[in-house]
Amino acid sequence: MIRSHRRTAGESRWLKVLGTLNEYQARLFVADKALDQGRGGVTRLSELTGMSRTTIAKGRGGFEQQEKTGGGGTGANPGGGWRT
């Protein structure tokens, strides 16, 4: 299937939002969009946003980690300080 490399109106709209996010938020946002697009989504969004595929994959990993832990925590165990 051949896809057009032209931006749709929806893509232009969320690219404006993307410009207002910090680096971590942008990775999560683009990773979510890539998951929504399915196969080829990471490649398409890499071309569209200029983010590397590995950066988007890291965002996808962070997004999946948040779903597992139920929030934006660090994944550290409570009371997990230095051993003495």
PDB file of N, CA and C in Angstrom:
ATOM      1  N   MET A   1       0.836  -1.169   0.000  1.00  0.00           N
ATOM      2  CA  MET A   1       0.000   0.000   0.000  1.00  0.00           C
ATOM      3  C   MET A   1       0.889   1.243   0.000  1.00  0.00           C
ATOM      4  N   ILE A   2       0.599   2.163  -0.851  1.00  0.00           N
ATOM      5  CA  ILE A   2       1.359   3.400  -0.957  1.00  0.00           C
ATOM      6  C   ILE A   2       0.602   4.492  -0.204  1.00  0.00           C
ATOM      7  N   ARG A   3       1.306   5.121   0.726  1.00  0.00           N
ATOM      8  CA  ARG A   3       0.696   6.202   1.498  1.00  0.00           C
ATOM      9  C   ARG A   3       1.261   7.526   1.035  1.00  0.00           C
ATOM     10  N   SER A   4       0.441   8.516   1.064  1.00  0.00           N
ATOM     11  CA  SER A   4       0.875   9.857   0.740  1.00  0.00           C
ATOM     12  C   SER A   4       1.709  10.418   1.889  1.00  0.00           C
ATOM     13  N   HIS A   5       2.707  11.195   1.557  1.00  0.00           N
ATOM     14  CA  HIS A   5       3.539  11.818   2.579  1.00  0.00           C
ATOM     15  C   HIS A   5       3.012  13.202   2.945  1.00  0.00           C
ATOM     16  N   ARG A   6       1.825  13.539   2.462  1.00  0.00           N
ATOM     17  CA  ARG A   6       1.227  14.821   2.784  1.00  0.00           C
ATOM     18  C   ARG A   6       0.592  14.755   4.159  1.00  0.00           C
ATOM     19  N   ARG A   7       0.637  15.865   4.843  1.00  0.00           N
ATOM     20  CA  ARG A   7       0.019  15.953   6.163  1.00  0.00           C
ATOM     21  C   ARG A   7      -1.485  16.159   6.016  1.00  0.00           C
ATOM     22  N   THR A   8      -2.224  15.433   6.833  1.00  0.00           N
ATOM     23  CA  THR A   8      -3.662  15.652   6.874  1.00  0.00           C
ATOM     24  C   THR A   8      -3.942  16.835   7.800  1.00  0.00           C
ATOM     25  N   ALA A   9      -5.165  17.322   7.798  1.00  0.00           N
ATOM     26  CA  ALA A   9      -5.537  18.439   8.674  1.00  0.00           C
ATOM     27  C   ALA A   9      -5.387  18.031  10.138  1.00  0.00           C
ATOM     28  N   GLY A  10      -5.759  16.792  10.461  1.00  0.00           N
ATOM     29  CA  GLY A  10      -5.628  16.304  11.832  1.00  0.00           C
ATOM     30  C   GLY A  10      -4.179  16.225  12.275  1.00  0.00           C
ATOM     31  N   GLU A  11      -3.306  15.772  11.376  1.00  0.00           N
ATOM     32  CA  GLU A  11      -1.877  15.684  11.701  1.00  0.00           C
ATOM     33  C   GLU A  11      -1.287  17.077  11.924  1.00  0.00           C
ATOM     34  N   SER A  12      -1.661  18.019  11.100  1.00  0.00           N
ATOM     35  CA  SER A  12      -1.159  19.386  11.274  1.00  0.00           C
ATOM     36  C   SER A  12      -1.603  19.956  12.614  1.00  0.00           C
ATOM     37  N   ARG A  13      -2.837  19.638  12.999  1.00  0.00           N
ATOM     38  CA  ARG A  13      -3.369  20.135  14.268  1.00  0.00           C
ATOM     39  C   ARG A  13      -2.596  19.567  15.460  1.00  0.00           C
ATOM     40  N   TRP A  14      -2.371  18.233  15.467  1.00  0.00           N
ATOM     41  CA  TRP A  14      -1.674  17.683  16.631  1.00  0.00           C
ATOM     42  C   TRP A  14      -0.181  17.933  16.595  1.00  0.00           C
ATOM     43  N   LEU A  15       0.381  18.249  15.431  1.00  0.00           N
ATOM     44  CA  LEU A  15       1.782  18.665  15.385  1.00  0.00           C
ATOM     45  C   LEU A  15       1.978  20.017  16.085  1.00  0.00           C
ATOM     46  N   LYS A  16       0.959  20.880  16.015  1.00  0.00           N
ATOM     47  CA  LYS A  16       1.013  22.147  16.750  1.00  0.00           C
ATOM     48  C   LYS A  16       1.013  21.879  18.251  1.00  0.00           C
ATOM     49  N   VAL A  17       0.190  20.937  18.690  1.00  0.00           N
ATOM     50  CA  VAL A  17       0.155  20.571  20.115  1.00  0.00           C
ATOM     51  C   VAL A  17       1.490  19.971  20.520  1.00  0.00           C
ATOM     52  N   LEU A  18       2.056  19.150  19.673  1.00  0.00           N
ATOM     53  CA  LEU A  18       3.330  18.498  19.963  1.00  0.00           C
ATOM     54  C   LEU A  18       4.420  19.523  20.266  1.00  0.00           C
ATOM     55  N   GLY A  19       4.394  20.635  19.578  1.00  0.00           N
ATOM     56  CA  GLY A  19       5.387  21.684  19.787  1.00  0.00           C
ATOM     57  C   GLY A  19       5.317  22.341  21.153  1.00  0.00           C
ATOM     58  N   THR A  20       4.216  22.177  21.873  1.00  0.00           N
ATOM     59  CA  THR A  20       4.066  22.799  23.187  1.00  0.00           C
ATOM     60  C   THR A  20       4.462  21.863  24.329  1.00  0.00           C
ATOM     61  N   LEU A  21       4.733  20.600  24.027  1.00  0.00           N
ATOM     62  CA  LEU A  21       5.020  19.607  25.063  1.00  0.00           C
ATOM     63  C   LEU A  21       6.512  19.535  25.356  1.00  0.00           C
ATOM     64  N   ASN A  22       6.843  19.097  26.588  1.00  0.00           N
ATOM     65  CA  ASN A  22       8.252  18.859  26.890  1.00  0.00           C
ATOM     66  C   ASN A  22       8.672  17.530  26.247  1.00  0.00           C
ATOM     67  N   GLU A  23       9.939  17.205  26.341  1.00  0.00           N
ATOM     68  CA  GLU A  23      10.485  16.046  25.622  1.00  0.00           C
ATOM     69  C   GLU A  23       9.802  14.737  26.026  1.00  0.00           C
ATOM     70  N   TYR A  24       9.617  14.531  27.325  1.00  0.00           N
ATOM     71  CA  TYR A  24       8.994  13.294  27.821  1.00  0.00           C
ATOM     72  C   TYR A  24       7.545  13.198  27.358  1.00  0.00           C
ATOM     73  N   GLN A  25       6.802  14.293  27.484  1.00  0.00           N
ATOM     74  CA  GLN A  25       5.406  14.305  27.060  1.00  0.00           C
ATOM     75  C   GLN A  25       5.290  14.074  25.555  1.00  0.00           C
ATOM     76  N   ALA A  26       6.206  14.656  24.793  1.00  0.00           N
ATOM     77  CA  ALA A  26       6.176  14.498  23.338  1.00  0.00           C
ATOM     78  C   ALA A  26       6.417  13.042  22.949  1.00  0.00           C
ATOM     79  N   ARG A  27       7.366  12.380  23.640  1.00  0.00           N
ATOM     80  CA  ARG A  27       7.612  10.954  23.350  1.00  0.00           C
ATOM     81  C   ARG A  27       6.371  10.126  23.602  1.00  0.00           C
ATOM     82  N   LEU A  28       5.708  10.366  24.735  1.00  0.00           N
ATOM     83  CA  LEU A  28       4.492   9.616  25.049  1.00  0.00           C
ATOM     84  C   LEU A  28       3.382   9.908  24.041  1.00  0.00           C
ATOM     85  N   PHE A  29       3.239  11.172  23.682  1.00  0.00           N
ATOM     86  CA  PHE A  29       2.193  11.584  22.749  1.00  0.00           C
ATOM     87  C   PHE A  29       2.378  10.920  21.385  1.00  0.00           C
ATOM     88  N   VAL A  30       3.608  10.973  20.875  1.00  0.00           N
ATOM     89  CA  VAL A  30       3.886  10.385  19.564  1.00  0.00           C
ATOM     90  C   VAL A  30       3.777   8.861  19.629  1.00  0.00           C
ATOM     91  N   ALA A  31       4.216   8.264  20.729  1.00  0.00           N
ATOM     92  CA  ALA A  31       4.095   6.809  20.888  1.00  0.00           C
ATOM     93  C   ALA A  31       2.632   6.384  20.885  1.00  0.00           C
ATOM     94  N   ASP A  32       1.783   7.165  21.537  1.00  0.00           N
ATOM     95  CA  ASP A  32       0.351   6.860  21.557  1.00  0.00           C
ATOM     96  C   ASP A  32      -0.231   6.938  20.147  1.00  0.00           C
ATOM     97  N   LYS A  33       0.153   7.964  19.411  1.00  0.00           N
ATOM     98  CA  LYS A  33      -0.316   8.098  18.022  1.00  0.00           C
ATOM     99  C   LYS A  33       0.178   6.923  17.166  1.00  0.00           C
ATOM    100  N   ALA A  34       1.415   6.478  17.402  1.00  0.00           N
ATOM    101  CA  ALA A  34       1.970   5.351  16.646  1.00  0.00           C
ATOM    102  C   ALA A  34       1.200   4.069  16.950  1.00  0.00           C
ATOM    103  N   LEU A  35       0.849   3.873  18.210  1.00  0.00           N
ATOM    104  CA  LEU A  35       0.055   2.697  18.573  1.00  0.00           C
ATOM    105  C   LEU A  35      -1.318   2.746  17.921  1.00  0.00           C
ATOM    106  N   ASP A  36      -1.911   3.936  17.849  1.00  0.00           N
ATOM    107  CA  ASP A  36      -3.215   4.096  17.203  1.00  0.00           C
ATOM    108  C   ASP A  36      -3.141   3.752  15.711  1.00  0.00           C
ATOM    109  N   GLN A  37      -2.026   4.086  15.070  1.00  0.00           N
ATOM    110  CA  GLN A  37      -1.896   3.848  13.634  1.00  0.00           C
ATOM    111  C   GLN A  37      -1.604   2.397  13.291  1.00  0.00           C
ATOM    112  N   GLY A  38      -1.099   1.642  14.253  1.00  0.00           N
ATOM    113  CA  GLY A  38      -0.829   0.227  13.988  1.00  0.00           C
ATOM    114  C   GLY A  38       0.458   0.021  13.218  1.00  0.00           C
ATOM    115  N   ARG A  39       0.466  -1.015  12.375  1.00  0.00           N
ATOM    116  CA  ARG A  39       1.668  -1.360  11.628  1.00  0.00           C
ATOM    117  C   ARG A  39       2.145  -0.193  10.774  1.00  0.00           C
ATOM    118  N   GLY A  40       3.429   0.124  10.897  1.00  0.00           N
ATOM    119  CA  GLY A  40       4.012   1.226  10.144  1.00  0.00           C
ATOM    120  C   GLY A  40       3.847   2.578  10.819  1.00  0.00           C
ATOM    121  N   GLY A  41       3.169   2.603  11.951  1.00  0.00           N
ATOM    122  CA  GLY A  41       2.915   3.865  12.635  1.00  0.00           C
ATOM    123  C   GLY A  41       4.179   4.542  13.133  1.00  0.00           C
ATOM    124  N   VAL A  42       5.109   3.757  13.663  1.00  0.00           N
ATOM    125  CA  VAL A  42       6.355   4.329  14.175  1.00  0.00           C
ATOM    126  C   VAL A  42       7.153   4.959  13.032  1.00  0.00           C
ATOM    127  N   THR A  43       7.246   4.266  11.914  1.00  0.00           N
ATOM    128  CA  THR A  43       7.977   4.793  10.757  1.00  0.00           C
ATOM    129  C   THR A  43       7.314   6.050  10.222  1.00  0.00           C
ATOM    130  N   ARG A  44       6.001   6.019  10.094  1.00  0.00           N
ATOM    131  CA  ARG A  44       5.251   7.167   9.574  1.00  0.00           C
ATOM    132  C   ARG A  44       5.451   8.390  10.474  1.00  0.00           C
ATOM    133  N   LEU A  45       5.335   8.182  11.778  1.00  0.00           N
ATOM    134  CA  LEU A  45       5.461   9.315  12.694  1.00  0.00           C
ATOM    135  C   LEU A  45       6.900   9.784  12.827  1.00  0.00           C
ATOM    136  N   SER A  46       7.845   8.886  12.629  1.00  0.00           N
ATOM    137  CA  SER A  46       9.250   9.284  12.612  1.00  0.00           C
ATOM    138  C   SER A  46       9.504  10.238  11.455  1.00  0.00           C
ATOM    139  N   GLU A  47       8.955   9.918  10.299  1.00  0.00           N
ATOM    140  CA  GLU A  47       9.103  10.784   9.131  1.00  0.00           C
ATOM    141  C   GLU A  47       8.366  12.102   9.323  1.00  0.00           C
ATOM    142  N   LEU A  48       7.206  12.042   9.940  1.00  0.00           N
ATOM    143  CA  LEU A  48       6.369  13.224  10.109  1.00  0.00           C
ATOM    144  C   LEU A  48       6.924  14.196  11.145  1.00  0.00           C
ATOM    145  N   THR A  49       7.417  13.660  12.265  1.00  0.00           N
ATOM    146  CA  THR A  49       7.846  14.516  13.374  1.00  0.00           C
ATOM    147  C   THR A  49       9.341  14.794  13.399  1.00  0.00           C
ATOM    148  N   GLY A  50      10.128  13.957  12.736  1.00  0.00           N
ATOM    149  CA  GLY A  50      11.577  14.097  12.796  1.00  0.00           C
ATOM    150  C   GLY A  50      12.193  13.389  13.994  1.00  0.00           C
ATOM    151  N   MET A  51      11.358  12.757  14.825  1.00  0.00           N
ATOM    152  CA  MET A  51      11.875  11.963  15.953  1.00  0.00           C
ATOM    153  C   MET A  51      12.437  10.660  15.412  1.00  0.00           C
ATOM    154  N   SER A  52      13.466  10.161  16.074  1.00  0.00           N
ATOM    155  CA  SER A  52      14.012   8.876  15.637  1.00  0.00           C
ATOM    156  C   SER A  52      13.056   7.752  16.045  1.00  0.00           C
ATOM    157  N   ARG A  53      13.150   6.651  15.345  1.00  0.00           N
ATOM    158  CA  ARG A  53      12.300   5.497  15.654  1.00  0.00           C
ATOM    159  C   ARG A  53      12.591   4.971  17.051  1.00  0.00           C
ATOM    160  N   THR A  54      13.861   5.023  17.473  1.00  0.00           N
ATOM    161  CA  THR A  54      14.195   4.527  18.815  1.00  0.00           C
ATOM    162  C   THR A  54      13.604   5.422  19.897  1.00  0.00           C
ATOM    163  N   THR A  55      13.537   6.726  19.650  1.00  0.00           N
ATOM    164  CA  THR A  55      12.932   7.646  20.606  1.00  0.00           C
ATOM    165  C   THR A  55      11.447   7.338  20.759  1.00  0.00           C
ATOM    166  N   ILE A  56      10.778   7.072  19.646  1.00  0.00           N
ATOM    167  CA  ILE A  56       9.356   6.733  19.692  1.00  0.00           C
ATOM    168  C   ILE A  56       9.166   5.399  20.403  1.00  0.00           C
ATOM    169  N   ALA A  57      10.068   4.458  20.159  1.00  0.00           N
ATOM    170  CA  ALA A  57       9.985   3.159  20.837  1.00  0.00           C
ATOM    171  C   ALA A  57      10.175   3.322  22.341  1.00  0.00           C
ATOM    172  N   LYS A  58      11.064   4.223  22.764  1.00  0.00           N
ATOM    173  CA  LYS A  58      11.239   4.494  24.190  1.00  0.00           C
ATOM    174  C   LYS A  58       9.964   5.068  24.782  1.00  0.00           C
ATOM    175  N   GLY A  59       9.325   5.947  24.049  1.00  0.00           N
ATOM    176  CA  GLY A  59       8.055   6.506  24.510  1.00  0.00           C
ATOM    177  C   GLY A  59       6.991   5.443  24.635  1.00  0.00           C
ATOM    178  N   ARG A  60       6.984   4.518  23.694  1.00  0.00           N
ATOM    179  CA  ARG A  60       6.019   3.418  23.749  1.00  0.00           C
ATOM    180  C   ARG A  60       6.279   2.543  24.966  1.00  0.00           C
ATOM    181  N   GLY A  61       7.548   2.317  25.282  1.00  0.00           N
ATOM    182  CA  GLY A  61       7.902   1.551  26.474  1.00  0.00           C
ATOM    183  C   GLY A  61       7.467   2.272  27.740  1.00  0.00           C
ATOM    184  N   GLY A  62       7.637   3.586  27.778  1.00  0.00           N
ATOM    185  CA  GLY A  62       7.202   4.365  28.925  1.00  0.00           C
ATOM    186  C   GLY A  62       5.699   4.380  29.064  1.00  0.00           C
ATOM    187  N   PHE A  63       5.019   4.426  27.936  1.00  0.00           N
ATOM    188  CA  PHE A  63       3.556   4.412  27.930  1.00  0.00           C
ATOM    189  C   PHE A  63       3.036   3.086  28.461  1.00  0.00           C
ATOM    190  N   GLU A  64       3.633   1.987  28.008  1.00  0.00           N
ATOM    191  CA  GLU A  64       3.225   0.664  28.468  1.00  0.00           C
ATOM    192  C   GLU A  64       3.574   0.468  29.940  1.00  0.00           C
ATOM    193  N   GLN A  65       4.692   1.052  30.393  1.00  0.00           N
ATOM    194  CA  GLN A  65       5.077   0.963  31.799  1.00  0.00           C
ATOM    195  C   GLN A  65       4.063   1.685  32.677  1.00  0.00           C
ATOM    196  N   GLN A  66       3.569   2.846  32.229  1.00  0.00           N
ATOM    197  CA  GLN A  66       2.568   3.580  32.993  1.00  0.00           C
ATOM    198  C   GLN A  66       1.294   2.764  33.134  1.00  0.00           C
ATOM    199  N   GLU A  67       0.908   2.053  32.086  1.00  0.00           N
ATOM    200  CA  GLU A  67      -0.297   1.231  32.160  1.00  0.00           C
ATOM    201  C   GLU A  67      -0.124   0.118  33.183  1.00  0.00           C
ATOM    202  N   LYS A  68       1.071  -0.465  33.250  1.00  0.00           N
ATOM    203  CA  LYS A  68       1.322  -1.562  34.186  1.00  0.00           C
ATOM    204  C   LYS A  68       1.322  -1.081  35.631  1.00  0.00           C
ATOM    205  N   THR A  69       1.962   0.078  35.869  1.00  0.00           N
ATOM    206  CA  THR A  69       2.088   0.561  37.247  1.00  0.00           C
ATOM    207  C   THR A  69       0.886   1.377  37.685  1.00  0.00           C
ATOM    208  N   GLY A  70       0.046   1.779  36.735  1.00  0.00           N
ATOM    209  CA  GLY A  70      -1.142   2.537  37.092  1.00  0.00           C
ATOM    210  C   GLY A  70      -0.876   4.009  37.354  1.00  0.00           C
ATOM    211  N   GLY A  71       0.200   4.531  36.834  1.00  0.00           N
ATOM    212  CA  GLY A  71       0.481   5.951  37.010  1.00  0.00           C
ATOM    213  C   GLY A  71       1.831   6.314  36.458  1.00  0.00           C
ATOM    214  N   GLY A  72       2.229   7.514  36.755  1.00  0.00           N
ATOM    215  CA  GLY A  72       3.488   8.021  36.229  1.00  0.00           C
ATOM    216  C   GLY A  72       4.638   7.846  37.189  1.00  0.00           C
ATOM    217  N   GLY A  73       4.554   6.890  38.093  1.00  0.00           N
ATOM    218  CA  GLY A  73       5.611   6.683  39.070  1.00  0.00           C
ATOM    219  C   GLY A  73       6.883   6.156  38.452  1.00  0.00           C
ATOM    220  N   THR A  74       7.900   6.070  39.275  1.00  0.00           N
ATOM    221  CA  THR A  74       9.203   5.638  38.788  1.00  0.00           C
ATOM    222  C   THR A  74       9.331   4.125  38.767  1.00  0.00           C
ATOM    223  N   GLY A  75       8.390   3.435  39.362  1.00  0.00           N
ATOM    224  CA  GLY A  75       8.479   1.986  39.416  1.00  0.00           C
ATOM    225  C   GLY A  75       9.276   1.498  40.605  1.00  0.00           C
ATOM    226  N   ALA A  76       9.749   2.438  41.447  1.00  0.00           N
ATOM    227  CA  ALA A  76      10.528   2.056  42.620  1.00  0.00           C
ATOM    228  C   ALA A  76       9.591   1.520  43.702  1.00  0.00           C
ATOM    229  N   ASN A  77      10.102   0.602  44.483  1.00  0.00           N
ATOM    230  CA  ASN A  77       9.318   0.064  45.584  1.00  0.00           C
ATOM    231  C   ASN A  77       9.290   1.062  46.736  1.00  0.00           C
ATOM    232  N   PRO A  78       8.158   1.130  47.463  1.00  0.00           N
ATOM    233  CA  PRO A  78       8.113   2.037  48.604  1.00  0.00           C
ATOM    234  C   PRO A  78       9.129   1.622  49.664  1.00  0.00           C
ATOM    235  N   GLY A  79       9.795   2.613  50.229  1.00  0.00           N
ATOM    236  CA  GLY A  79      10.791   2.313  51.258  1.00  0.00           C
ATOM    237  C   GLY A  79      12.067   1.738  50.709  1.00  0.00           C
ATOM    238  N   GLY A  80      12.297   1.885  49.416  1.00  0.00           N
ATOM    239  CA  GLY A  80      13.479   1.287  48.785  1.00  0.00           C
ATOM    240  C   GLY A  80      14.676   2.201  48.830  1.00  0.00           C
ATOM    241  N   GLY A  81      15.081   2.625  50.017  1.00  0.00           N
ATOM    242  CA  GLY A  81      16.236   3.513  50.143  1.00  0.00           C
ATOM    243  C   GLY A  81      17.544   2.742  50.135  1.00  0.00           C
ATOM    244  N   TRP A  82      18.598   3.419  50.519  1.00  0.00           N
ATOM    245  CA  TRP A  82      19.926   2.827  50.541  1.00  0.00           C
ATOM    246  C   TRP A  82      20.019   1.762  51.621  1.00  0.00           C
ATOM    247  N   ARG A  83      20.711   0.692  51.314  1.00  0.00           N
ATOM    248  CA  ARG A  83      20.958  -0.332  52.315  1.00  0.00           C
ATOM    249  C   ARG A  83      22.095   0.116  53.223  1.00  0.00           C
ATOM    250  N   THR A  84      21.981  -0.209  54.495  1.00  0.00           N
ATOM    251  CA  THR A  84      23.043   0.170  55.429  1.00  0.00           C
ATOM    252  C   THR A  84      23.668  -1.040  56.059  1.00  0.00           C
TER     253      THR A  84
END
